[in-house]
């Protein structure tokens, strides 16, 4: 079975990073639009909560605290969500709450995160290719 929890988590995280990139791009594009409200994506906290919840419902018997805890997280139900911040920002008088410096920082952070996830996914596929090819 090629679809493992790791691949599912990577796929979901890549989807969330892509959705976050679009939200940040929308925020930057609308920096001068009156009454525009910033958009953000929540995903990581929901994923962590799902993994902790599933870990508490099913866990392996460990004879030592140094053993790795494992369970079967149900991450298929976790989806990234787009949120709109309806607060008024202190930066502008046009009721627009976009802070361009904050958005540029988030843009760089999200690009690094996306690249790290893509490299991890590529590494997992390389391992599979090696196992299938026997090289």
Foldseek 3Di string as FASTA:
>chain_A
DPDAPVNVVLVQLLVQLVVQLVQLVVLLVCVPPFQAFGKGKDFPVVQVVQQVVQLVVDWDDDPDPPDDIDGGRPCVVGHIDMDTDQDQAPPDPRSYNRDNVVSVVVNVVSVVVNVVSVVVVVVVVVVVVCVVVVD
